[in-house]
Amino acid sequence: MISGVMGRSSRGDDGGWGINPNWIVDKVIQETQTNYARVNITNCILRELLKDDPLEKVWIRLAERLNSVAHQRNIIVHSEWAWSEDAPEGIIQLCSDEKHKFWIESDFADVFSRTKSLETDIHAFMREVLIAIHDRRVTRFVTPEMIVKSDAGRD
């Protein structure tokens, strides 16, 4: 996301956006090992880029949701799990404090649903950031050459 915002963008006749990611930012994010660190890097850049713009508050709320979903994802991916014939309708998360948690299908579906909803909202947010850059409402760290015209020659 941040690589696209800091790269070049163009707007097509259909109102869609094309981005050419900034390769340096792209490599930094790819080489960052944890989702938490990626969110922190993105947060630092976007908070500065969007300073004093209403989109800054939108990003703050998205970042909170992103951290929450990332936390839930990490629980699912990094936990040890067990199954019991006594409770075949779910699986047991083995916790180090001996307070094991029972998960059923809807628990996983809820995390997936929140993840998909967040993905949709992040895409909408990115579109709004690109519009703000294109309309020159957000100009911090953005140079005019980062915004290119579409092939049809319209903004």
N, C-alpha and C. Protein backbone atom coordinates (compact mmCIF):
# COMPACT_ATOMS: atom_id res chain seq x y z
N MET A 1 0.82 -1.19 0.00
CA MET A 1 0.00 0.00 0.00
C MET A 1 0.87 1.25 0.00
N ILE A 2 1.78 1.34 0.95
CA ILE A 2 2.58 2.56 1.06
C ILE A 2 3.49 2.73 -0.15
N SER A 3 3.95 1.62 -0.70
CA SER A 3 4.79 1.67 -1.89
C SER A 3 4.03 2.28 -3.06
N GLY A 4 2.76 1.95 -3.19
CA GLY A 4 1.94 2.51 -4.25
C GLY A 4 1.68 3.99 -4.04
N VAL A 5 1.40 4.38 -2.80
CA VAL A 5 1.13 5.79 -2.50
C VAL A 5 2.38 6.63 -2.75
N MET A 6 3.55 6.12 -2.41
CA MET A 6 4.78 6.88 -2.57
C MET A 6 5.38 6.75 -3.98
N GLY A 7 4.78 5.89 -4.81
CA GLY A 7 5.25 5.73 -6.18
C GLY A 7 4.51 6.68 -7.11
N ARG A 8 4.43 6.29 -8.37
CA ARG A 8 3.71 7.10 -9.36
C ARG A 8 2.30 6.54 -9.51
N SER A 9 1.35 7.42 -9.81
CA SER A 9 -0.02 6.97 -9.99
C SER A 9 -0.62 7.64 -11.22
N SER A 10 -1.60 6.97 -11.80
CA SER A 10 -2.32 7.55 -12.93
C SER A 10 -3.78 7.16 -12.80
N ARG A 11 -4.63 8.00 -13.36
CA ARG A 11 -6.06 7.76 -13.29
C ARG A 11 -6.57 7.49 -14.70
N GLY A 12 -7.28 6.40 -14.86
CA GLY A 12 -7.80 6.02 -16.17
C GLY A 12 -9.14 6.67 -16.47
N ASP A 13 -9.59 6.51 -17.72
CA ASP A 13 -10.87 7.07 -18.15
C ASP A 13 -12.04 6.51 -17.34
N ASP A 14 -11.89 5.29 -16.87
CA ASP A 14 -12.96 4.65 -16.11
C ASP A 14 -12.97 5.04 -14.64
N GLY A 15 -12.08 5.95 -14.25
CA GLY A 15 -11.99 6.38 -12.85
C GLY A 15 -11.12 5.47 -12.01
N GLY A 16 -10.62 4.40 -12.62
CA GLY A 16 -9.73 3.49 -11.90
C GLY A 16 -8.34 4.07 -11.80
N TRP A 17 -7.56 3.47 -10.93
CA TRP A 17 -6.21 3.96 -10.68
C TRP A 17 -5.18 2.92 -11.05
N GLY A 18 -4.08 3.41 -11.57
CA GLY A 18 -2.93 2.56 -11.80
C GLY A 18 -1.78 3.10 -10.98
N ILE A 19 -1.00 2.21 -10.40
CA ILE A 19 0.14 2.67 -9.62
C ILE A 19 1.39 1.95 -10.09
N ASN A 20 2.49 2.67 -10.00
CA ASN A 20 3.81 2.11 -10.25
C ASN A 20 4.54 2.27 -8.94
N PRO A 21 4.61 1.20 -8.14
CA PRO A 21 5.16 1.32 -6.78
C PRO A 21 6.59 1.86 -6.75
N ASN A 22 6.88 2.54 -5.67
CA ASN A 22 8.23 3.00 -5.41
C ASN A 22 9.05 1.78 -5.02
N TRP A 23 10.05 1.44 -5.81
CA TRP A 23 10.77 0.19 -5.59
C TRP A 23 11.55 0.17 -4.29
N ILE A 24 12.01 1.33 -3.83
CA ILE A 24 12.76 1.36 -2.57
C ILE A 24 11.83 1.06 -1.40
N VAL A 25 10.70 1.75 -1.37
CA VAL A 25 9.74 1.52 -0.29
C VAL A 25 9.23 0.07 -0.37
N ASP A 26 8.99 -0.41 -1.59
CA ASP A 26 8.53 -1.79 -1.78
C ASP A 26 9.51 -2.79 -1.17
N LYS A 27 10.79 -2.61 -1.43
CA LYS A 27 11.81 -3.53 -0.89
C LYS A 27 11.90 -3.44 0.63
N VAL A 28 11.83 -2.24 1.17
CA VAL A 28 11.89 -2.08 2.63
C VAL A 28 10.74 -2.83 3.29
N ILE A 29 9.53 -2.66 2.77
CA ILE A 29 8.37 -3.33 3.35
C ILE A 29 8.48 -4.84 3.19
N GLN A 30 8.92 -5.31 2.02
CA GLN A 30 9.05 -6.75 1.79
C GLN A 30 10.07 -7.39 2.73
N GLU A 31 11.14 -6.68 3.02
CA GLU A 31 12.20 -7.23 3.86
C GLU A 31 11.92 -7.11 5.36
N THR A 32 10.88 -6.37 5.71
CA THR A 32 10.51 -6.23 7.10
C THR A 32 9.80 -7.51 7.54
N GLN A 33 10.29 -8.11 8.60
CA GLN A 33 9.88 -9.47 8.95
C GLN A 33 8.50 -9.61 9.59
N THR A 34 8.04 -8.62 10.32
CA THR A 34 6.77 -8.80 11.04
C THR A 34 5.70 -7.84 10.52
N ASN A 35 4.45 -8.29 10.62
CA ASN A 35 3.34 -7.43 10.23
C ASN A 35 3.29 -6.19 11.11
N TYR A 36 3.61 -6.36 12.39
CA TYR A 36 3.61 -5.23 13.32
C TYR A 36 4.59 -4.14 12.85
N ALA A 37 5.77 -4.55 12.45
CA ALA A 37 6.77 -3.58 11.97
C ALA A 37 6.32 -2.94 10.66
N ARG A 38 5.71 -3.73 9.77
CA ARG A 38 5.21 -3.16 8.51
C ARG A 38 4.15 -2.11 8.77
N VAL A 39 3.24 -2.40 9.70
CA VAL A 39 2.20 -1.43 10.04
C VAL A 39 2.83 -0.18 10.65
N ASN A 40 3.83 -0.34 11.49
CA ASN A 40 4.50 0.82 12.10
C ASN A 40 5.19 1.68 11.05
N ILE A 41 5.88 1.06 10.10
CA ILE A 41 6.53 1.82 9.03
C ILE A 41 5.48 2.58 8.22
N THR A 42 4.44 1.87 7.83
CA THR A 42 3.36 2.49 7.05
C THR A 42 2.71 3.61 7.85
N ASN A 43 2.50 3.38 9.13
CA ASN A 43 1.89 4.39 10.00
C ASN A 43 2.75 5.65 10.06
N CYS A 44 4.05 5.49 10.24
CA CYS A 44 4.94 6.65 10.31
C CYS A 44 4.88 7.48 9.03
N ILE A 45 4.89 6.80 7.90
CA ILE A 45 4.86 7.51 6.62
C ILE A 45 3.51 8.19 6.39
N LEU A 46 2.43 7.43 6.59
CA LEU A 46 1.10 8.00 6.31
C LEU A 46 0.72 9.10 7.30
N ARG A 47 1.10 8.97 8.55
CA ARG A 47 0.78 10.03 9.52
C ARG A 47 1.45 11.34 9.11
N GLU A 48 2.67 11.25 8.58
CA GLU A 48 3.36 12.46 8.13
C GLU A 48 2.79 12.96 6.80
N LEU A 49 2.56 12.05 5.87
CA LEU A 49 2.03 12.41 4.56
C LEU A 49 0.66 13.06 4.68
N LEU A 50 -0.18 12.53 5.56
CA LEU A 50 -1.57 12.98 5.67
C LEU A 50 -1.81 13.98 6.80
N LYS A 51 -0.74 14.48 7.37
CA LYS A 51 -0.86 15.41 8.50
C LYS A 51 -1.81 16.55 8.14
N ASP A 52 -2.76 16.80 9.04
CA ASP A 52 -3.75 17.87 8.91
C ASP A 52 -4.78 17.62 7.82
N ASP A 53 -4.83 16.44 7.25
CA ASP A 53 -5.85 16.09 6.27
C ASP A 53 -6.84 15.14 6.96
N PRO A 54 -8.13 15.23 6.64
CA PRO A 54 -9.11 14.32 7.26
C PRO A 54 -8.77 12.84 7.06
N LEU A 55 -8.03 12.50 6.04
CA LEU A 55 -7.65 11.11 5.81
C LEU A 55 -6.71 10.58 6.89
N GLU A 56 -6.05 11.47 7.61
CA GLU A 56 -5.17 11.02 8.71
C GLU A 56 -5.99 10.27 9.76
N LYS A 57 -7.16 10.81 10.10
CA LYS A 57 -8.02 10.15 11.10
C LYS A 57 -8.56 8.82 10.57
N VAL A 58 -8.85 8.78 9.28
CA VAL A 58 -9.31 7.52 8.68
C VAL A 58 -8.19 6.48 8.79
N TRP A 59 -6.96 6.89 8.50
CA TRP A 59 -5.84 5.96 8.61
C TRP A 59 -5.65 5.48 10.05
N ILE A 60 -5.76 6.37 11.02
CA ILE A 60 -5.58 5.98 12.42
C ILE A 60 -6.56 4.86 12.79
N ARG A 61 -7.82 5.01 12.37
CA ARG A 61 -8.82 3.96 12.66
C ARG A 61 -8.48 2.67 11.90
N LEU A 62 -8.05 2.79 10.65
CA LEU A 62 -7.67 1.60 9.88
C LEU A 62 -6.47 0.90 10.51
N ALA A 63 -5.50 1.67 10.97
CA ALA A 63 -4.29 1.08 11.58
C ALA A 63 -4.65 0.32 12.84
N GLU A 64 -5.59 0.85 13.62
CA GLU A 64 -6.04 0.14 14.82
C GLU A 64 -6.68 -1.19 14.45
N ARG A 65 -7.53 -1.16 13.43
CA ARG A 65 -8.17 -2.40 12.97
C ARG A 65 -7.13 -3.36 12.41
N LEU A 66 -6.17 -2.82 11.67
CA LEU A 66 -5.12 -3.65 11.08
C LEU A 66 -4.31 -4.36 12.15
N ASN A 67 -3.95 -3.65 13.20
CA ASN A 67 -3.21 -4.27 14.31
C ASN A 67 -4.06 -5.34 14.99
N SER A 68 -5.33 -5.09 15.16
CA SER A 68 -6.22 -6.07 15.79
C SER A 68 -6.33 -7.33 14.95
N VAL A 69 -6.56 -7.17 13.65
CA VAL A 69 -6.67 -8.32 12.75
C VAL A 69 -5.34 -9.06 12.68
N ALA A 70 -4.24 -8.33 12.62
CA ALA A 70 -2.91 -8.97 12.58
C ALA A 70 -2.68 -9.78 13.84
N HIS A 71 -3.12 -9.26 14.98
CA HIS A 71 -2.97 -9.98 16.25
C HIS A 71 -3.77 -11.29 16.21
N GLN A 72 -5.01 -11.21 15.75
CA GLN A 72 -5.84 -12.41 15.65
C GLN A 72 -5.25 -13.42 14.66
N ARG A 73 -4.73 -12.94 13.56
CA ARG A 73 -4.09 -13.81 12.58
C ARG A 73 -2.90 -14.52 13.21
N ASN A 74 -2.09 -13.78 13.96
CA ASN A 74 -0.93 -14.38 14.60
C ASN A 74 -1.33 -15.46 15.61
N ILE A 75 -2.40 -15.22 16.34
CA ILE A 75 -2.89 -16.23 17.28
C ILE A 75 -3.22 -17.51 16.52
N ILE A 76 -3.94 -17.38 15.42
CA ILE A 76 -4.34 -18.56 14.65
C ILE A 76 -3.13 -19.26 14.05
N VAL A 77 -2.24 -18.51 13.44
CA VAL A 77 -1.11 -19.10 12.72
C VAL A 77 -0.06 -19.68 13.66
N HIS A 78 0.20 -19.03 14.78
CA HIS A 78 1.32 -19.42 15.63
C HIS A 78 0.94 -20.25 16.86
N SER A 79 -0.35 -20.49 17.06
CA SER A 79 -0.76 -21.30 18.21
C SER A 79 -0.58 -22.78 17.93
N GLU A 80 -0.52 -23.52 19.00
CA GLU A 80 -0.59 -24.98 18.90
C GLU A 80 -2.04 -25.36 19.11
N TRP A 81 -2.51 -26.33 18.33
CA TRP A 81 -3.91 -26.70 18.35
C TRP A 81 -4.06 -28.18 18.63
N ALA A 82 -5.18 -28.54 19.23
CA ALA A 82 -5.47 -29.95 19.52
C ALA A 82 -6.94 -30.21 19.24
N TRP A 83 -7.25 -31.48 19.07
CA TRP A 83 -8.62 -31.90 18.85
C TRP A 83 -8.97 -32.94 19.89
N SER A 84 -10.20 -32.94 20.33
CA SER A 84 -10.63 -33.91 21.33
C SER A 84 -11.90 -34.60 20.85
N GLU A 85 -11.96 -35.90 21.05
CA GLU A 85 -13.17 -36.64 20.71
C GLU A 85 -14.33 -36.20 21.59
N ASP A 86 -14.02 -35.62 22.74
CA ASP A 86 -15.07 -35.14 23.65
C ASP A 86 -15.74 -33.85 23.14
N ALA A 87 -15.08 -33.16 22.24
CA ALA A 87 -15.61 -31.90 21.70
C ALA A 87 -15.30 -31.83 20.20
N PRO A 88 -15.92 -32.68 19.39
CA PRO A 88 -15.58 -32.76 17.98
C PRO A 88 -16.05 -31.57 17.15
N GLU A 89 -16.85 -30.68 17.73
CA GLU A 89 -17.37 -29.54 16.96
C GLU A 89 -16.38 -28.38 16.86
N GLY A 90 -15.20 -28.52 17.44
CA GLY A 90 -14.22 -27.45 17.38
C GLY A 90 -12.83 -27.96 17.65
N ILE A 91 -11.90 -27.02 17.81
CA ILE A 91 -10.53 -27.38 18.16
C ILE A 91 -10.08 -26.54 19.35
N ILE A 92 -9.05 -27.02 20.00
CA ILE A 92 -8.58 -26.39 21.24
C ILE A 92 -7.26 -25.69 20.99
N GLN A 93 -7.22 -24.41 21.34
CA GLN A 93 -5.98 -23.65 21.28
C GLN A 93 -5.22 -23.93 22.58
N LEU A 94 -4.04 -24.48 22.45
CA LEU A 94 -3.24 -24.80 23.63
C LEU A 94 -2.46 -23.56 24.04
N CYS A 95 -2.80 -23.03 25.19
CA CYS A 95 -2.16 -21.80 25.69
C CYS A 95 -1.13 -22.15 26.76
N SER A 96 -0.09 -21.37 26.82
CA SER A 96 0.99 -21.63 27.77
C SER A 96 0.55 -21.48 29.22
N ASP A 97 -0.49 -20.71 29.47
CA ASP A 97 -0.95 -20.51 30.85
C ASP A 97 -1.94 -21.59 31.30
N GLU A 98 -2.05 -22.65 30.51
CA GLU A 98 -2.94 -23.78 30.82
C GLU A 98 -4.42 -23.43 30.74
N LYS A 99 -4.73 -22.21 30.31
CA LYS A 99 -6.13 -21.82 30.12
C LYS A 99 -6.44 -21.97 28.63
N HIS A 100 -6.65 -23.18 28.22
CA HIS A 100 -6.87 -23.47 26.81
C HIS A 100 -8.20 -22.87 26.35
N LYS A 101 -8.23 -22.51 25.07
CA LYS A 101 -9.43 -21.88 24.52
C LYS A 101 -10.02 -22.78 23.44
N PHE A 102 -11.31 -22.83 23.43
CA PHE A 102 -12.03 -23.67 22.47
C PHE A 102 -12.51 -22.79 21.32
N TRP A 103 -12.17 -23.18 20.11
CA TRP A 103 -12.56 -22.43 18.92
C TRP A 103 -13.50 -23.29 18.07
N ILE A 104 -14.53 -22.65 17.56
CA ILE A 104 -15.42 -23.33 16.62
C ILE A 104 -15.31 -22.62 15.27
N GLU A 105 -15.92 -23.19 14.27
CA GLU A 105 -15.80 -22.68 12.91
C GLU A 105 -16.15 -21.19 12.82
N SER A 106 -17.17 -20.76 13.52
CA SER A 106 -17.58 -19.35 13.43
C SER A 106 -16.52 -18.40 13.98
N ASP A 107 -15.68 -18.85 14.92
CA ASP A 107 -14.59 -18.01 15.43
C ASP A 107 -13.60 -17.70 14.30
N PHE A 108 -13.26 -18.73 13.53
CA PHE A 108 -12.34 -18.53 12.41
C PHE A 108 -13.01 -17.71 11.31
N ALA A 109 -14.28 -17.98 11.07
CA ALA A 109 -15.02 -17.22 10.06
C ALA A 109 -15.09 -15.74 10.41
N ASP A 110 -15.22 -15.44 11.71
CA ASP A 110 -15.26 -14.04 12.15
C ASP A 110 -13.93 -13.33 11.86
N VAL A 111 -12.82 -14.00 12.14
CA VAL A 111 -11.51 -13.40 11.85
C VAL A 111 -11.36 -13.20 10.34
N PHE A 112 -11.77 -14.19 9.56
CA PHE A 112 -11.69 -14.06 8.11
C PHE A 112 -12.57 -12.91 7.62
N SER A 113 -13.78 -12.80 8.14
CA SER A 113 -14.70 -11.74 7.73
C SER A 113 -14.13 -10.36 8.06
N ARG A 114 -13.56 -10.22 9.26
CA ARG A 114 -12.96 -8.94 9.64
C ARG A 114 -11.76 -8.61 8.76
N THR A 115 -11.02 -9.63 8.37
CA THR A 115 -9.86 -9.44 7.49
C THR A 115 -10.32 -8.96 6.11
N LYS A 116 -11.33 -9.61 5.54
CA LYS A 116 -11.85 -9.22 4.22
C LYS A 116 -12.46 -7.82 4.25
N SER A 117 -13.18 -7.51 5.31
CA SER A 117 -13.77 -6.18 5.45
C SER A 117 -12.68 -5.11 5.52
N LEU A 118 -11.64 -5.40 6.27
CA LEU A 118 -10.52 -4.47 6.38
C LEU A 118 -9.83 -4.30 5.03
N GLU A 119 -9.65 -5.39 4.30
CA GLU A 119 -9.04 -5.32 2.98
C GLU A 119 -9.83 -4.38 2.06
N THR A 120 -11.15 -4.52 2.07
CA THR A 120 -12.02 -3.65 1.26
C THR A 120 -11.87 -2.20 1.69
N ASP A 121 -11.85 -1.95 2.99
CA ASP A 121 -11.72 -0.58 3.50
C ASP A 121 -10.35 0.01 3.19
N ILE A 122 -9.30 -0.80 3.22
CA ILE A 122 -7.96 -0.31 2.88
C ILE A 122 -7.89 0.06 1.40
N HIS A 123 -8.51 -0.73 0.55
CA HIS A 123 -8.53 -0.40 -0.88
C HIS A 123 -9.26 0.93 -1.11
N ALA A 124 -10.39 1.11 -0.42
CA ALA A 124 -11.13 2.38 -0.54
C ALA A 124 -10.30 3.54 -0.02
N PHE A 125 -9.60 3.33 1.08
CA PHE A 125 -8.73 4.36 1.65
C PHE A 125 -7.60 4.72 0.67
N MET A 126 -6.98 3.70 0.08
CA MET A 126 -5.90 3.97 -0.89
C MET A 126 -6.42 4.81 -2.05
N ARG A 127 -7.62 4.49 -2.50
CA ARG A 127 -8.22 5.26 -3.60
C ARG A 127 -8.38 6.72 -3.16
N GLU A 128 -8.86 6.94 -1.95
CA GLU A 128 -9.04 8.31 -1.44
C GLU A 128 -7.70 9.04 -1.31
N VAL A 129 -6.66 8.34 -0.89
CA VAL A 129 -5.34 8.96 -0.79
C VAL A 129 -4.84 9.34 -2.19
N LEU A 130 -5.01 8.44 -3.16
CA LEU A 130 -4.58 8.75 -4.53
C LEU A 130 -5.36 9.94 -5.09
N ILE A 131 -6.64 10.02 -4.79
CA ILE A 131 -7.44 11.18 -5.23
C ILE A 131 -6.91 12.44 -4.56
N ALA A 132 -6.62 12.38 -3.27
CA ALA A 132 -6.10 13.55 -2.55
C ALA A 132 -4.76 14.00 -3.12
N ILE A 133 -3.92 13.04 -3.50
CA ILE A 133 -2.63 13.39 -4.13
C ILE A 133 -2.88 13.98 -5.51
N HIS A 134 -3.73 13.32 -6.28
CA HIS A 134 -4.04 13.77 -7.65
C HIS A 134 -4.63 15.17 -7.64
N ASP A 135 -5.51 15.45 -6.68
CA ASP A 135 -6.14 16.78 -6.56
C ASP A 135 -5.23 17.79 -5.86
N ARG A 136 -4.02 17.35 -5.51
CA ARG A 136 -3.02 18.17 -4.84
C ARG A 136 -3.47 18.70 -3.48
N ARG A 137 -4.36 17.95 -2.85
CA ARG A 137 -4.77 18.27 -1.48
C ARG A 137 -3.72 17.77 -0.50
N VAL A 138 -3.12 16.65 -0.83
CA VAL A 138 -2.02 16.09 -0.04
C VAL A 138 -0.76 16.26 -0.88
N THR A 139 0.14 17.10 -0.40
CA THR A 139 1.33 17.40 -1.20
C THR A 139 2.64 17.14 -0.48
N ARG A 140 2.58 16.76 0.80
CA ARG A 140 3.81 16.50 1.55
C ARG A 140 4.52 15.31 0.92
N PHE A 141 5.76 15.49 0.56
CA PHE A 141 6.61 14.42 0.01
C PHE A 141 6.16 13.93 -1.36
N VAL A 142 5.18 14.59 -1.96
CA VAL A 142 4.68 14.18 -3.26
C VAL A 142 5.05 15.25 -4.27
N THR A 143 5.76 14.85 -5.29
CA THR A 143 6.16 15.81 -6.33
C THR A 143 5.24 15.67 -7.53
N PRO A 144 5.10 16.73 -8.34
CA PRO A 144 4.20 16.67 -9.49
C PRO A 144 4.52 15.52 -10.45
N GLU A 145 5.79 15.16 -10.59
CA GLU A 145 6.12 14.07 -11.52
C GLU A 145 5.66 12.70 -11.01
N MET A 146 5.24 12.63 -9.76
CA MET A 146 4.73 11.35 -9.24
C MET A 146 3.31 11.10 -9.73
N ILE A 147 2.67 12.13 -10.26
CA ILE A 147 1.31 12.00 -10.76
C ILE A 147 1.37 12.11 -12.27
N VAL A 148 1.00 11.07 -12.97
CA VAL A 148 1.07 11.06 -14.43
C VAL A 148 -0.34 11.02 -15.00
N LYS A 149 -0.46 11.52 -16.23
CA LYS A 149 -1.74 11.49 -16.90
C LYS A 149 -2.01 10.10 -17.46
N SER A 150 -3.28 9.79 -17.63
CA SER A 150 -3.64 8.49 -18.20
C SER A 150 -3.24 8.47 -19.67
N ASP A 151 -3.31 7.30 -20.29
CA ASP A 151 -2.99 7.16 -21.71
C ASP A 151 -3.89 8.01 -22.58
N ALA A 152 -5.11 8.25 -22.12
CA ALA A 152 -6.04 9.06 -22.88
C ALA A 152 -5.77 10.54 -22.75
N GLY A 153 -4.81 10.92 -21.89
CA GLY A 153 -4.43 12.32 -21.76
C GLY A 153 -5.29 13.11 -20.80
N ARG A 154 -6.21 12.45 -20.10
CA ARG A 154 -7.02 13.16 -19.11
C ARG A 154 -6.52 12.86 -17.72
N ASP A 155 -6.76 13.78 -16.79
CA ASP A 155 -6.39 13.57 -15.38
C ASP A 155 -7.24 12.48 -14.78
